[in-house]
């Protein structure tokens, strides 16, 4: 049989922070089984088996909380992953559409008279050789495979840039 101070020491060694007052509160709430000492009616004697059961219950409650938190985090990560997959699908669709448009534009126009200003979305009156090269460099930088761009699309635009030079 343990007294309250010894119980606090056992709880602390088991990784449960507790004070004398908390142990008394747990005894009064019935969470820890204890007997009132025969000599004094203000002190309690706690059976080691009962204390062990309490420690196990505390640890089980902590583990349950951790598992629930892990489940919540897992759900959040799954939702974020689904969102990212959707965004990737949208971006891939954009790239496919841009490739189709580019290929159609190349087939319609001859390479020597290719309207680079229209391709880059520039106004005809504002374009000159320097502006076109500058816009192509920005586009090539964004499409570069090392930056996550599409290698085939990069090659196509790079060929057009080389023809422009």
C-alpha atoms as a PDB file:
ATOM      1  CA  UNK A   1       0.000   0.000   0.000  1.00  0.00           C
ATOM      2  CA  UNK A   2       1.216   3.461  -0.937  1.00  0.00           C
ATOM      3  CA  UNK A   3       0.497   6.827   0.568  1.00  0.00           C
ATOM      4  CA  UNK A   4      -0.228   9.949  -1.529  1.00  0.00           C
ATOM      5  CA  UNK A   5       3.406  11.110  -1.733  1.00  0.00           C
ATOM      6  CA  UNK A   6       4.605   7.701  -2.873  1.00  0.00           C
ATOM      7  CA  UNK A   7       1.786   7.628  -5.410  1.00  0.00           C
ATOM      8  CA  UNK A   8       2.927  10.987  -6.813  1.00  0.00           C
ATOM      9  CA  UNK A   9       6.470   9.606  -7.135  1.00  0.00           C
ATOM     10  CA  UNK A  10       5.216   6.514  -8.993  1.00  0.00           C
ATOM     11  CA  UNK A  11       3.080   8.616 -11.312  1.00  0.00           C
ATOM     12  CA  UNK A  12       6.001  10.935 -12.049  1.00  0.00           C
ATOM     13  CA  UNK A  13       8.295   7.988 -12.783  1.00  0.00           C
ATOM     14  CA  UNK A  14       5.606   6.632 -15.150  1.00  0.00           C
ATOM     15  CA  UNK A  15       5.602   9.918 -17.068  1.00  0.00           C
ATOM     16  CA  UNK A  16       2.425  11.401 -15.595  1.00  0.00           C
ATOM     17  CA  UNK A  17       2.919  14.823 -14.062  1.00  0.00           C
ATOM     18  CA  UNK A  18       0.939  14.969 -10.816  1.00  0.00           C
ATOM     19  CA  UNK A  19       0.891  16.768  -7.500  1.00  0.00           C
ATOM     20  CA  UNK A  20      -0.483  15.761  -4.126  1.00  0.00           C
ATOM     21  CA  UNK A  21      -3.609  17.844  -4.744  1.00  0.00           C
ATOM     22  CA  UNK A  22      -4.233  16.201  -8.114  1.00  0.00           C
ATOM     23  CA  UNK A  23      -3.884  12.734  -6.630  1.00  0.00           C
ATOM     24  CA  UNK A  24      -6.338  13.690  -3.873  1.00  0.00           C
ATOM     25  CA  UNK A  25      -8.741  15.017  -6.502  1.00  0.00           C
ATOM     26  CA  UNK A  26      -8.471  11.790  -8.527  1.00  0.00           C
ATOM     27  CA  UNK A  27      -9.147   9.759  -5.386  1.00  0.00           C
ATOM     28  CA  UNK A  28     -12.211  11.851  -4.550  1.00  0.00           C
ATOM     29  CA  UNK A  29     -13.474  11.539  -8.144  1.00  0.00           C
ATOM     30  CA  UNK A  30     -13.018   7.767  -7.944  1.00  0.00           C
ATOM     31  CA  UNK A  31     -10.377   7.583 -10.673  1.00  0.00           C
ATOM     32  CA  UNK A  32      -7.857   6.072  -8.247  1.00  0.00           C
ATOM     33  CA  UNK A  33      -9.145   3.515  -5.778  1.00  0.00           C
ATOM     34  CA  UNK A  34      -7.939   4.167  -2.233  1.00  0.00           C
ATOM     35  CA  UNK A  35      -8.724   3.243   1.331  1.00  0.00           C
ATOM     36  CA  UNK A  36      -8.820   5.670   4.210  1.00  0.00           C
ATOM     37  CA  UNK A  37      -6.057   4.959   6.727  1.00  0.00           C
ATOM     38  CA  UNK A  38      -7.357   3.465  10.002  1.00  0.00           C
ATOM     39  CA  UNK A  39      -5.340   5.703  12.294  1.00  0.00           C
ATOM     40  CA  UNK A  40      -6.084   8.952  10.505  1.00  0.00           C
ATOM     41  CA  UNK A  41      -9.152   9.619   8.510  1.00  0.00           C
ATOM     42  CA  UNK A  42      -7.452  12.286   6.385  1.00  0.00           C
ATOM     43  CA  UNK A  43      -4.835  10.095   4.676  1.00  0.00           C
ATOM     44  CA  UNK A  44      -5.295   7.444   2.037  1.00  0.00           C
ATOM     45  CA  UNK A  45      -3.622   4.150   1.267  1.00  0.00           C
ATOM     46  CA  UNK A  46      -3.470   3.173  -2.409  1.00  0.00           C
ATOM     47  CA  UNK A  47      -2.994  -0.365  -3.661  1.00  0.00           C
ATOM     48  CA  UNK A  48      -0.156  -0.759  -6.195  1.00  0.00           C
ATOM     49  CA  UNK A  49      -2.444  -2.766  -8.488  1.00  0.00           C
ATOM     50  CA  UNK A  50      -5.029   0.039  -8.521  1.00  0.00           C
ATOM     51  CA  UNK A  51      -2.322   2.614  -9.221  1.00  0.00           C
ATOM     52  CA  UNK A  52      -0.994   0.496 -12.100  1.00  0.00           C
ATOM     53  CA  UNK A  53      -4.497   0.319 -13.604  1.00  0.00           C
ATOM     54  CA  UNK A  54      -4.799   4.108 -13.343  1.00  0.00           C
ATOM     55  CA  UNK A  55      -1.418   4.606 -15.047  1.00  0.00           C
ATOM     56  CA  UNK A  56      -2.443   2.255 -17.857  1.00  0.00           C
ATOM     57  CA  UNK A  57      -5.729   4.154 -18.304  1.00  0.00           C
ATOM     58  CA  UNK A  58      -3.884   7.496 -18.469  1.00  0.00           C
ATOM     59  CA  UNK A  59      -1.423   6.202 -21.049  1.00  0.00           C
ATOM     60  CA  UNK A  60      -4.250   4.631 -23.068  1.00  0.00           C
ATOM     61  CA  UNK A  61      -6.094   7.970 -23.084  1.00  0.00           C
ATOM     62  CA  UNK A  62      -2.935   9.757 -24.279  1.00  0.00           C
ATOM     63  CA  UNK A  63      -2.386   7.200 -27.039  1.00  0.00           C
ATOM     64  CA  UNK A  64      -6.021   7.455 -28.121  1.00  0.00           C
ATOM     65  CA  UNK A  65      -5.672  11.223 -28.380  1.00  0.00           C
ATOM     66  CA  UNK A  66      -2.503  10.843 -30.453  1.00  0.00           C
ATOM     67  CA  UNK A  67      -4.185   8.340 -32.782  1.00  0.00           C
ATOM     68  CA  UNK A  68      -7.170  10.661 -33.282  1.00  0.00           C
ATOM     69  CA  UNK A  69      -4.827  13.562 -34.035  1.00  0.00           C
ATOM     70  CA  UNK A  70      -2.922  11.400 -36.529  1.00  0.00           C
ATOM     71  CA  UNK A  71      -6.198  10.482 -38.235  1.00  0.00           C
ATOM     72  CA  UNK A  72      -7.132  14.173 -38.531  1.00  0.00           C
ATOM     73  CA  UNK A  73      -3.727  15.029 -39.961  1.00  0.00           C
ATOM     74  CA  UNK A  74      -3.986  12.105 -42.372  1.00  0.00           C
ATOM     75  CA  UNK A  75      -7.407  13.317 -43.579  1.00  0.00           C
ATOM     76  CA  UNK A  76      -6.050  16.855 -44.076  1.00  0.00           C
ATOM     77  CA  UNK A  77      -3.050  15.579 -46.013  1.00  0.00           C
ATOM     78  CA  UNK A  78      -5.284  13.379 -48.169  1.00  0.00           C
ATOM     79  CA  UNK A  79      -7.486  16.368 -48.975  1.00  0.00           C
ATOM     80  CA  UNK A  80      -4.426  18.458 -49.864  1.00  0.00           C
ATOM     81  CA  UNK A  81      -3.101  15.645 -52.047  1.00  0.00           C
ATOM     82  CA  UNK A  82      -6.433  15.399 -53.895  1.00  0.00           C
ATOM     83  CA  UNK A  83      -6.412  19.155 -54.421  1.00  0.00           C
ATOM     84  CA  UNK A  84      -2.861  19.045 -55.799  1.00  0.00           C
ATOM     85  CA  UNK A  85      -3.736  16.151 -58.125  1.00  0.00           C
ATOM     86  CA  UNK A  86      -6.641  18.201 -59.459  1.00  0.00           C
ATOM     87  CA  UNK A  87      -4.385  21.231 -59.993  1.00  0.00           C
ATOM     88  CA  UNK A  88      -1.832  19.059 -61.835  1.00  0.00           C
ATOM     89  CA  UNK A  89      -4.582  17.653 -64.048  1.00  0.00           C
ATOM     90  CA  UNK A  90      -5.761  21.181 -64.892  1.00  0.00           C
ATOM     91  CA  UNK A  91      -2.215  22.334 -65.682  1.00  0.00           C
ATOM     92  CA  UNK A  92      -1.602  19.279 -67.863  1.00  0.00           C
ATOM     93  CA  UNK A  93      -4.813  20.044 -69.762  1.00  0.00           C
ATOM     94  CA  UNK A  94      -3.626  23.613 -70.310  1.00  0.00           C
ATOM     95  CA  UNK A  95      -0.285  22.384 -71.651  1.00  0.00           C
ATOM     96  CA  UNK A  96      -1.977  19.910 -74.027  1.00  0.00           C
ATOM     97  CA  UNK A  97      -4.259  22.652 -75.336  1.00  0.00           C
ATOM     98  CA  UNK A  98      -1.344  25.033 -75.797  1.00  0.00           C
ATOM     99  CA  UNK A  99       0.589  22.357 -77.697  1.00  0.00           C
ATOM    100  CA  UNK A 100      -2.361  21.714 -80.001  1.00  0.00           C
ATOM    101  CA  UNK A 101      -2.793  25.415 -80.691  1.00  0.00           C
ATOM    102  CA  UNK A 102       0.902  25.847 -81.331  1.00  0.00           C
ATOM    103  CA  UNK A 103       1.045  22.888 -83.711  1.00  0.00           C
ATOM    104  CA  UNK A 104      -2.017  24.156 -85.596  1.00  0.00           C
ATOM    105  CA  UNK A 105      -0.464  27.617 -85.834  1.00  0.00           C
ATOM    106  CA  UNK A 106       2.817  26.161 -87.121  1.00  0.00           C
ATOM    107  CA  UNK A 107       1.002  24.129 -89.773  1.00  0.00           C
ATOM    108  CA  UNK A 108      -1.059  27.111 -90.921  1.00  0.00           C
ATOM    109  CA  UNK A 109       1.860  29.539 -91.181  1.00  0.00           C
ATOM    110  CA  UNK A 110       5.201  29.022 -92.791  1.00  0.00           C
ATOM    111  CA  UNK A 111       8.173  29.257 -90.429  1.00  0.00           C
ATOM    112  CA  UNK A 112       9.637  32.267 -92.215  1.00  0.00           C
ATOM    113  CA  UNK A 113       6.467  34.334 -91.793  1.00  0.00           C
ATOM    114  CA  UNK A 114       5.481  33.040 -88.393  1.00  0.00           C
ATOM    115  CA  UNK A 115       3.674  35.739 -86.349  1.00  0.00           C
ATOM    116  CA  UNK A 116       5.722  35.629 -83.159  1.00  0.00           C
ATOM    117  CA  UNK A 117       3.984  38.693 -81.771  1.00  0.00           C
ATOM    118  CA  UNK A 118       0.591  36.951 -81.955  1.00  0.00           C
ATOM    119  CA  UNK A 119       2.022  33.796 -80.407  1.00  0.00           C
ATOM    120  CA  UNK A 120       3.382  35.767 -77.457  1.00  0.00           C
ATOM    121  CA  UNK A 121       0.231  37.905 -77.150  1.00  0.00           C
ATOM    122  CA  UNK A 122       1.907  41.173 -78.070  1.00  0.00           C
ATOM    123  CA  UNK A 123       0.430  44.040 -80.096  1.00  0.00           C
ATOM    124  CA  UNK A 124       1.880  44.365 -83.599  1.00  0.00           C
ATOM    125  CA  UNK A 125       2.704  48.075 -83.315  1.00  0.00           C
ATOM    126  CA  UNK A 126       4.617  47.564 -80.025  1.00  0.00           C
ATOM    127  CA  UNK A 127       6.831  44.689 -81.180  1.00  0.00           C
ATOM    128  CA  UNK A 128      10.378  44.874 -82.314  1.00  0.00           C
ATOM    129  CA  UNK A 129      13.200  42.355 -82.392  1.00  0.00           C
ATOM    130  CA  UNK A 130      14.397  43.220 -78.887  1.00  0.00           C
ATOM    131  CA  UNK A 131      10.892  42.917 -77.340  1.00  0.00           C
ATOM    132  CA  UNK A 132      10.251  39.585 -79.055  1.00  0.00           C
ATOM    133  CA  UNK A 133      13.567  38.166 -77.829  1.00  0.00           C
ATOM    134  CA  UNK A 134      12.849  39.402 -74.308  1.00  0.00           C
ATOM    135  CA  UNK A 135       9.389  37.767 -74.265  1.00  0.00           C
ATOM    136  CA  UNK A 136      10.768  34.521 -75.708  1.00  0.00           C
ATOM    137  CA  UNK A 137      13.420  34.420 -72.976  1.00  0.00           C
ATOM    138  CA  UNK A 138      10.722  34.818 -70.284  1.00  0.00           C
ATOM    139  CA  UNK A 139       8.676  32.046 -71.861  1.00  0.00           C
ATOM    140  CA  UNK A 140      11.659  29.731 -72.257  1.00  0.00           C
ATOM    141  CA  UNK A 141      12.654  30.344 -68.658  1.00  0.00           C
ATOM    142  CA  UNK A 142       9.172  29.331 -67.485  1.00  0.00           C
ATOM    143  CA  UNK A 143       9.096  26.252 -69.751  1.00  0.00           C
ATOM    144  CA  UNK A 144      12.609  25.031 -68.929  1.00  0.00           C
ATOM    145  CA  UNK A 145      12.585  21.358 -67.800  1.00  0.00           C
ATOM    146  CA  UNK A 146      14.833  22.117 -64.815  1.00  0.00           C
ATOM    147  CA  UNK A 147      12.110  24.449 -63.512  1.00  0.00           C
ATOM    148  CA  UNK A 148       9.333  21.900 -63.915  1.00  0.00           C
ATOM    149  CA  UNK A 149       8.361  22.812 -67.484  1.00  0.00           C
ATOM    150  CA  UNK A 150       7.610  20.516 -70.402  1.00  0.00           C
ATOM    151  CA  UNK A 151      10.733  19.512 -72.324  1.00  0.00           C
ATOM    152  CA  UNK A 152       8.972  19.054 -75.691  1.00  0.00           C
ATOM    153  CA  UNK A 153       7.212  22.401 -75.473  1.00  0.00           C
ATOM    154  CA  UNK A 154      10.491  24.012 -74.431  1.00  0.00           C
ATOM    155  CA  UNK A 155      12.218  22.560 -77.510  1.00  0.00           C
ATOM    156  CA  UNK A 156       9.506  23.878 -79.840  1.00  0.00           C
ATOM    157  CA  UNK A 157       9.694  27.395 -78.439  1.00  0.00           C
ATOM    158  CA  UNK A 158      13.484  27.248 -78.348  1.00  0.00           C
ATOM    159  CA  UNK A 159      13.514  26.439 -82.098  1.00  0.00           C
ATOM    160  CA  UNK A 160      11.301  29.467 -82.746  1.00  0.00           C
ATOM    161  CA  UNK A 161      13.619  31.599 -80.626  1.00  0.00           C
ATOM    162  CA  UNK A 162      16.621  30.369 -82.604  1.00  0.00           C
ATOM    163  CA  UNK A 163      14.800  31.205 -85.875  1.00  0.00           C
ATOM    164  CA  UNK A 164      14.108  34.692 -84.531  1.00  0.00           C
ATOM    165  CA  UNK A 165      17.800  35.367 -83.804  1.00  0.00           C
END
